[in-house]
Amino acid sequence: MTDIWPTELKVSKDRQRLIVSFDDGESFELSAEMLRVLSPSAEVQGHGPGQKLTVPGKRNVAILSMTPTGNYAVRIGFDDMHDSGIFTWNYLRELGEKGETLFAAYEDELRQKGMDRDTSAKPR
């Protein structure tokens, strides 16, 4: 999957979705909420194994900015001021292909921790 290359990154007018098209013809619509809660940042993933955090209350988060990072990724800024996640082309592709499963696992984590998608709380 290392040879994939995006041909277009486009934020929807309502800033709730990122449309990513790849050079093999695949295209994915990724929700801002999914991008935010599955961010590859240390804030979400932790600094080592077993440190991943569940971030609640991001149902209505919006994409504020996208900044190219080298020729391999994009840094996405959200309206909750989170902007430290660097999304590689491979990770965006993975979210496109496995996003429903990954997001369902996130929703399970929320339930297990007594949190939800609408109520902001400290990640844990």
N, C-alpha and C. Protein backbone atom coordinates (compact mmCIF):
# COMPACT_ATOMS: atom_id res chain seq x y z
N MET A 1 0.82 -1.20 0.00
CA MET A 1 0.00 0.00 0.00
C MET A 1 0.86 1.26 0.00
N THR A 2 2.16 1.14 -0.10
CA THR A 2 3.04 2.30 -0.02
C THR A 2 3.04 3.12 -1.30
N ASP A 3 2.52 2.58 -2.40
CA ASP A 3 2.55 3.31 -3.66
C ASP A 3 1.29 4.13 -3.92
N ILE A 4 0.39 4.18 -2.95
CA ILE A 4 -0.84 4.94 -3.17
C ILE A 4 -0.56 6.43 -3.08
N TRP A 5 -1.32 7.17 -3.84
CA TRP A 5 -1.11 8.62 -3.89
C TRP A 5 -2.46 9.29 -4.04
N PRO A 6 -2.76 10.30 -3.21
CA PRO A 6 -4.04 10.98 -3.36
C PRO A 6 -4.01 11.90 -4.59
N THR A 7 -5.11 11.92 -5.31
CA THR A 7 -5.23 12.83 -6.44
C THR A 7 -6.05 14.05 -6.05
N GLU A 8 -6.84 13.92 -4.96
CA GLU A 8 -7.64 15.06 -4.50
C GLU A 8 -7.97 14.90 -3.02
N LEU A 9 -7.85 16.01 -2.30
CA LEU A 9 -8.30 16.12 -0.92
C LEU A 9 -9.24 17.32 -0.90
N LYS A 10 -10.50 17.08 -0.56
CA LYS A 10 -11.46 18.17 -0.61
C LYS A 10 -12.34 18.15 0.64
N VAL A 11 -12.44 19.30 1.31
CA VAL A 11 -13.31 19.43 2.48
C VAL A 11 -14.69 19.84 1.99
N SER A 12 -15.73 19.18 2.53
CA SER A 12 -17.11 19.50 2.14
C SER A 12 -17.45 20.93 2.57
N LYS A 13 -18.47 21.49 1.94
CA LYS A 13 -18.87 22.86 2.25
C LYS A 13 -19.20 23.06 3.73
N ASP A 14 -19.83 22.05 4.35
CA ASP A 14 -20.19 22.17 5.77
C ASP A 14 -19.02 21.83 6.70
N ARG A 15 -17.88 21.47 6.13
CA ARG A 15 -16.63 21.19 6.85
C ARG A 15 -16.74 19.95 7.73
N GLN A 16 -17.75 19.11 7.46
CA GLN A 16 -17.98 17.90 8.26
C GLN A 16 -17.36 16.64 7.64
N ARG A 17 -16.86 16.75 6.41
CA ARG A 17 -16.32 15.57 5.72
C ARG A 17 -15.10 15.94 4.89
N LEU A 18 -14.22 14.95 4.76
CA LEU A 18 -13.06 15.08 3.88
C LEU A 18 -13.22 14.03 2.80
N ILE A 19 -13.22 14.46 1.55
CA ILE A 19 -13.30 13.54 0.42
C ILE A 19 -11.88 13.33 -0.08
N VAL A 20 -11.44 12.06 -0.09
CA VAL A 20 -10.10 11.71 -0.51
C VAL A 20 -10.20 10.79 -1.72
N SER A 21 -9.58 11.18 -2.83
CA SER A 21 -9.53 10.35 -4.03
C SER A 21 -8.09 9.92 -4.25
N PHE A 22 -7.92 8.65 -4.67
CA PHE A 22 -6.58 8.11 -4.88
C PHE A 22 -6.35 7.79 -6.36
N ASP A 23 -5.07 7.65 -6.71
CA ASP A 23 -4.70 7.45 -8.11
C ASP A 23 -5.12 6.10 -8.68
N ASP A 24 -5.62 5.20 -7.85
CA ASP A 24 -6.13 3.93 -8.37
C ASP A 24 -7.63 3.97 -8.61
N GLY A 25 -8.22 5.18 -8.48
CA GLY A 25 -9.64 5.35 -8.74
C GLY A 25 -10.53 5.25 -7.50
N GLU A 26 -9.98 4.82 -6.38
CA GLU A 26 -10.75 4.72 -5.14
C GLU A 26 -10.97 6.12 -4.57
N SER A 27 -12.15 6.31 -3.97
CA SER A 27 -12.48 7.57 -3.35
C SER A 27 -13.25 7.29 -2.07
N PHE A 28 -12.98 8.07 -1.03
CA PHE A 28 -13.61 7.86 0.27
C PHE A 28 -14.08 9.18 0.84
N GLU A 29 -15.19 9.15 1.56
CA GLU A 29 -15.71 10.30 2.27
C GLU A 29 -15.53 10.01 3.76
N LEU A 30 -14.67 10.76 4.41
CA LEU A 30 -14.33 10.52 5.81
C LEU A 30 -14.93 11.62 6.67
N SER A 31 -15.67 11.25 7.71
CA SER A 31 -16.29 12.27 8.56
C SER A 31 -15.22 12.97 9.40
N ALA A 32 -15.46 14.24 9.67
CA ALA A 32 -14.55 15.01 10.52
C ALA A 32 -14.48 14.36 11.90
N GLU A 33 -15.61 13.87 12.39
CA GLU A 33 -15.63 13.23 13.70
C GLU A 33 -14.70 12.01 13.72
N MET A 34 -14.80 11.16 12.71
CA MET A 34 -13.94 9.98 12.67
C MET A 34 -12.47 10.39 12.59
N LEU A 35 -12.15 11.35 11.75
CA LEU A 35 -10.76 11.81 11.63
C LEU A 35 -10.26 12.33 12.98
N ARG A 36 -11.12 13.05 13.69
CA ARG A 36 -10.71 13.64 14.98
C ARG A 36 -10.50 12.57 16.04
N VAL A 37 -11.43 11.64 16.17
CA VAL A 37 -11.33 10.66 17.27
C VAL A 37 -10.35 9.54 16.97
N LEU A 38 -10.01 9.35 15.69
CA LEU A 38 -9.01 8.35 15.32
C LEU A 38 -7.71 9.01 14.86
N SER A 39 -7.52 10.25 15.26
CA SER A 39 -6.32 11.00 14.90
C SER A 39 -5.07 10.23 15.27
N PRO A 40 -4.04 10.27 14.41
CA PRO A 40 -2.78 9.60 14.73
C PRO A 40 -1.93 10.39 15.73
N SER A 41 -2.46 11.44 16.31
CA SER A 41 -1.69 12.28 17.24
C SER A 41 -1.41 11.56 18.54
N ALA A 42 -0.39 12.02 19.25
CA ALA A 42 -0.05 11.46 20.55
C ALA A 42 -1.18 11.71 21.55
N GLU A 43 -1.92 12.82 21.38
CA GLU A 43 -3.03 13.12 22.29
C GLU A 43 -4.05 11.99 22.29
N VAL A 44 -4.27 11.39 21.12
CA VAL A 44 -5.25 10.32 21.00
C VAL A 44 -4.58 8.95 21.15
N GLN A 45 -3.48 8.74 20.47
CA GLN A 45 -2.83 7.42 20.45
C GLN A 45 -1.95 7.15 21.66
N GLY A 46 -1.60 8.20 22.41
CA GLY A 46 -0.70 8.02 23.53
C GLY A 46 0.75 8.03 23.05
N HIS A 47 1.64 7.85 23.98
CA HIS A 47 3.07 7.89 23.64
C HIS A 47 3.69 6.50 23.62
N GLY A 48 2.88 5.48 23.75
CA GLY A 48 3.40 4.12 23.72
C GLY A 48 2.27 3.12 23.73
N PRO A 49 2.59 1.84 23.66
CA PRO A 49 1.57 0.78 23.63
C PRO A 49 0.65 0.86 24.85
N GLY A 50 -0.63 0.66 24.62
CA GLY A 50 -1.59 0.64 25.71
C GLY A 50 -1.98 2.00 26.25
N GLN A 51 -1.57 3.08 25.60
CA GLN A 51 -1.87 4.42 26.09
C GLN A 51 -2.94 5.14 25.28
N LYS A 52 -3.57 4.45 24.34
CA LYS A 52 -4.59 5.07 23.49
C LYS A 52 -5.74 5.61 24.34
N LEU A 53 -6.20 6.79 24.00
CA LEU A 53 -7.29 7.43 24.72
C LEU A 53 -8.55 7.48 23.86
N THR A 54 -9.69 7.45 24.53
CA THR A 54 -10.98 7.59 23.86
C THR A 54 -11.42 9.04 24.05
N VAL A 55 -11.69 9.73 22.94
CA VAL A 55 -12.05 11.15 22.98
C VAL A 55 -13.55 11.28 22.73
N PRO A 56 -14.34 11.69 23.75
CA PRO A 56 -15.78 11.81 23.58
C PRO A 56 -16.22 13.18 23.08
N GLY A 57 -17.51 13.30 22.73
CA GLY A 57 -18.12 14.60 22.45
C GLY A 57 -17.67 15.30 21.19
N LYS A 58 -17.35 14.55 20.14
CA LYS A 58 -16.84 15.18 18.92
C LYS A 58 -17.77 15.01 17.72
N ARG A 59 -19.06 14.69 17.96
CA ARG A 59 -20.00 14.45 16.86
C ARG A 59 -20.04 15.63 15.88
N ASN A 60 -19.99 16.85 16.38
CA ASN A 60 -20.16 18.02 15.51
C ASN A 60 -18.86 18.77 15.21
N VAL A 61 -17.72 18.12 15.42
CA VAL A 61 -16.45 18.78 15.13
C VAL A 61 -16.35 19.05 13.63
N ALA A 62 -15.67 20.12 13.29
CA ALA A 62 -15.51 20.49 11.87
C ALA A 62 -14.02 20.64 11.54
N ILE A 63 -13.72 20.48 10.27
CA ILE A 63 -12.35 20.64 9.77
C ILE A 63 -12.11 22.12 9.50
N LEU A 64 -11.07 22.67 10.12
CA LEU A 64 -10.73 24.08 9.91
C LEU A 64 -9.64 24.26 8.87
N SER A 65 -8.66 23.33 8.87
CA SER A 65 -7.51 23.53 7.98
C SER A 65 -6.88 22.20 7.60
N MET A 66 -6.16 22.24 6.50
CA MET A 66 -5.33 21.11 6.08
C MET A 66 -4.00 21.70 5.61
N THR A 67 -2.91 21.18 6.17
CA THR A 67 -1.59 21.67 5.84
C THR A 67 -0.73 20.51 5.34
N PRO A 68 -0.21 20.60 4.12
CA PRO A 68 0.65 19.52 3.63
C PRO A 68 1.85 19.32 4.55
N THR A 69 2.24 18.07 4.74
CA THR A 69 3.39 17.73 5.55
C THR A 69 4.30 16.87 4.67
N GLY A 70 5.37 17.46 4.21
CA GLY A 70 6.23 16.75 3.27
C GLY A 70 5.42 16.34 2.05
N ASN A 71 5.75 15.21 1.45
CA ASN A 71 4.96 14.74 0.31
C ASN A 71 4.25 13.44 0.66
N TYR A 72 4.07 13.20 1.97
CA TYR A 72 3.52 11.92 2.41
C TYR A 72 2.30 12.04 3.30
N ALA A 73 1.90 13.27 3.67
CA ALA A 73 0.84 13.40 4.66
C ALA A 73 0.23 14.80 4.66
N VAL A 74 -0.83 14.93 5.48
CA VAL A 74 -1.47 16.22 5.68
C VAL A 74 -1.79 16.35 7.17
N ARG A 75 -1.58 17.56 7.69
CA ARG A 75 -1.95 17.85 9.08
C ARG A 75 -3.35 18.49 9.03
N ILE A 76 -4.26 17.90 9.79
CA ILE A 76 -5.64 18.39 9.78
C ILE A 76 -5.90 19.13 11.08
N GLY A 77 -6.43 20.36 10.94
CA GLY A 77 -6.81 21.16 12.10
C GLY A 77 -8.33 21.15 12.24
N PHE A 78 -8.79 21.00 13.48
CA PHE A 78 -10.23 20.92 13.75
C PHE A 78 -10.67 22.13 14.56
N ASP A 79 -11.99 22.38 14.57
CA ASP A 79 -12.49 23.58 15.24
C ASP A 79 -12.46 23.48 16.77
N ASP A 80 -12.05 22.33 17.32
CA ASP A 80 -11.84 22.25 18.77
C ASP A 80 -10.38 22.56 19.11
N MET A 81 -9.64 23.05 18.10
CA MET A 81 -8.25 23.48 18.19
C MET A 81 -7.25 22.32 18.19
N HIS A 82 -7.71 21.11 18.00
CA HIS A 82 -6.79 19.97 17.86
C HIS A 82 -6.19 20.04 16.46
N ASP A 83 -4.86 20.05 16.38
CA ASP A 83 -4.23 20.13 15.06
C ASP A 83 -2.89 19.42 15.01
N SER A 84 -2.69 18.44 15.90
CA SER A 84 -1.37 17.79 15.94
C SER A 84 -1.35 16.43 15.24
N GLY A 85 -2.46 16.04 14.63
CA GLY A 85 -2.49 14.76 13.93
C GLY A 85 -1.96 14.88 12.51
N ILE A 86 -0.97 14.06 12.18
CA ILE A 86 -0.42 14.04 10.83
C ILE A 86 -0.93 12.76 10.16
N PHE A 87 -1.80 12.94 9.19
CA PHE A 87 -2.47 11.83 8.51
C PHE A 87 -1.70 11.47 7.25
N THR A 88 -1.02 10.32 7.26
CA THR A 88 -0.29 9.88 6.07
C THR A 88 -1.30 9.43 5.02
N TRP A 89 -0.85 9.36 3.78
CA TRP A 89 -1.74 8.88 2.70
C TRP A 89 -2.21 7.46 3.03
N ASN A 90 -1.29 6.62 3.54
CA ASN A 90 -1.66 5.25 3.89
C ASN A 90 -2.72 5.21 4.98
N TYR A 91 -2.60 6.10 5.98
CA TYR A 91 -3.58 6.10 7.07
C TYR A 91 -4.94 6.59 6.57
N LEU A 92 -4.95 7.60 5.70
CA LEU A 92 -6.23 8.05 5.12
C LEU A 92 -6.88 6.91 4.32
N ARG A 93 -6.06 6.16 3.60
CA ARG A 93 -6.58 5.02 2.84
C ARG A 93 -7.15 3.96 3.79
N GLU A 94 -6.41 3.70 4.87
CA GLU A 94 -6.88 2.72 5.86
C GLU A 94 -8.21 3.16 6.46
N LEU A 95 -8.34 4.46 6.78
CA LEU A 95 -9.60 4.96 7.32
C LEU A 95 -10.72 4.82 6.30
N GLY A 96 -10.40 5.01 5.02
CA GLY A 96 -11.40 4.83 3.98
C GLY A 96 -11.86 3.38 3.88
N GLU A 97 -10.92 2.47 3.96
CA GLU A 97 -11.23 1.05 3.78
C GLU A 97 -11.78 0.40 5.05
N LYS A 98 -11.30 0.83 6.21
CA LYS A 98 -11.68 0.15 7.47
C LYS A 98 -12.37 1.09 8.45
N GLY A 99 -12.70 2.29 7.99
CA GLY A 99 -13.25 3.30 8.89
C GLY A 99 -14.50 2.88 9.63
N GLU A 100 -15.42 2.19 8.95
CA GLU A 100 -16.66 1.78 9.62
C GLU A 100 -16.35 0.86 10.79
N THR A 101 -15.46 -0.08 10.60
CA THR A 101 -15.08 -1.02 11.66
C THR A 101 -14.35 -0.30 12.79
N LEU A 102 -13.42 0.58 12.44
CA LEU A 102 -12.66 1.32 13.45
C LEU A 102 -13.58 2.25 14.24
N PHE A 103 -14.54 2.88 13.56
CA PHE A 103 -15.45 3.80 14.24
C PHE A 103 -16.40 3.02 15.15
N ALA A 104 -16.84 1.85 14.72
CA ALA A 104 -17.70 1.00 15.56
C ALA A 104 -16.94 0.61 16.84
N ALA A 105 -15.66 0.31 16.72
CA ALA A 105 -14.85 -0.02 17.90
C ALA A 105 -14.74 1.19 18.82
N TYR A 106 -14.60 2.38 18.24
CA TYR A 106 -14.57 3.62 19.03
C TYR A 106 -15.89 3.80 19.79
N GLU A 107 -17.02 3.56 19.11
CA GLU A 107 -18.32 3.68 19.78
C GLU A 107 -18.45 2.67 20.93
N ASP A 108 -17.91 1.48 20.75
CA ASP A 108 -17.91 0.48 21.82
C ASP A 108 -17.08 0.97 23.01
N GLU A 109 -15.91 1.56 22.72
CA GLU A 109 -15.07 2.11 23.79
C GLU A 109 -15.81 3.19 24.56
N LEU A 110 -16.52 4.07 23.83
CA LEU A 110 -17.30 5.11 24.50
C LEU A 110 -18.30 4.49 25.47
N ARG A 111 -19.06 3.52 24.99
CA ARG A 111 -20.07 2.86 25.84
C ARG A 111 -19.42 2.23 27.07
N GLN A 112 -18.33 1.51 26.85
CA GLN A 112 -17.67 0.84 27.96
C GLN A 112 -17.16 1.82 29.02
N LYS A 113 -16.83 3.02 28.59
CA LYS A 113 -16.29 4.02 29.51
C LYS A 113 -17.36 5.00 30.00
N GLY A 114 -18.62 4.76 29.62
CA GLY A 114 -19.71 5.63 30.07
C GLY A 114 -19.67 7.01 29.44
N MET A 115 -19.15 7.10 28.23
CA MET A 115 -19.05 8.38 27.52
C MET A 115 -19.92 8.31 26.27
N ASP A 116 -20.09 9.45 25.60
CA ASP A 116 -20.86 9.44 24.35
C ASP A 116 -20.32 10.45 23.36
N ARG A 117 -20.89 10.42 22.16
CA ARG A 117 -20.42 11.26 21.06
C ARG A 117 -20.82 12.72 21.21
N ASP A 118 -21.78 13.02 22.09
CA ASP A 118 -22.30 14.39 22.20
C ASP A 118 -21.81 15.16 23.41
N THR A 119 -21.35 14.48 24.45
CA THR A 119 -20.95 15.15 25.68
C THR A 119 -19.44 15.23 25.77
N SER A 120 -18.93 16.45 25.80
CA SER A 120 -17.50 16.66 25.89
C SER A 120 -17.03 16.28 27.30
N ALA A 121 -15.92 15.58 27.37
CA ALA A 121 -15.33 15.17 28.63
C ALA A 121 -13.85 14.94 28.39
N LYS A 122 -13.11 14.79 29.48
CA LYS A 122 -11.68 14.53 29.35
C LYS A 122 -11.48 13.15 28.71
N PRO A 123 -10.61 13.08 27.70
CA PRO A 123 -10.32 11.77 27.09
C PRO A 123 -9.77 10.81 28.13
N ARG A 124 -10.16 9.54 27.99
CA ARG A 124 -9.59 8.52 28.88
C ARG A 124 -9.59 7.17 28.22
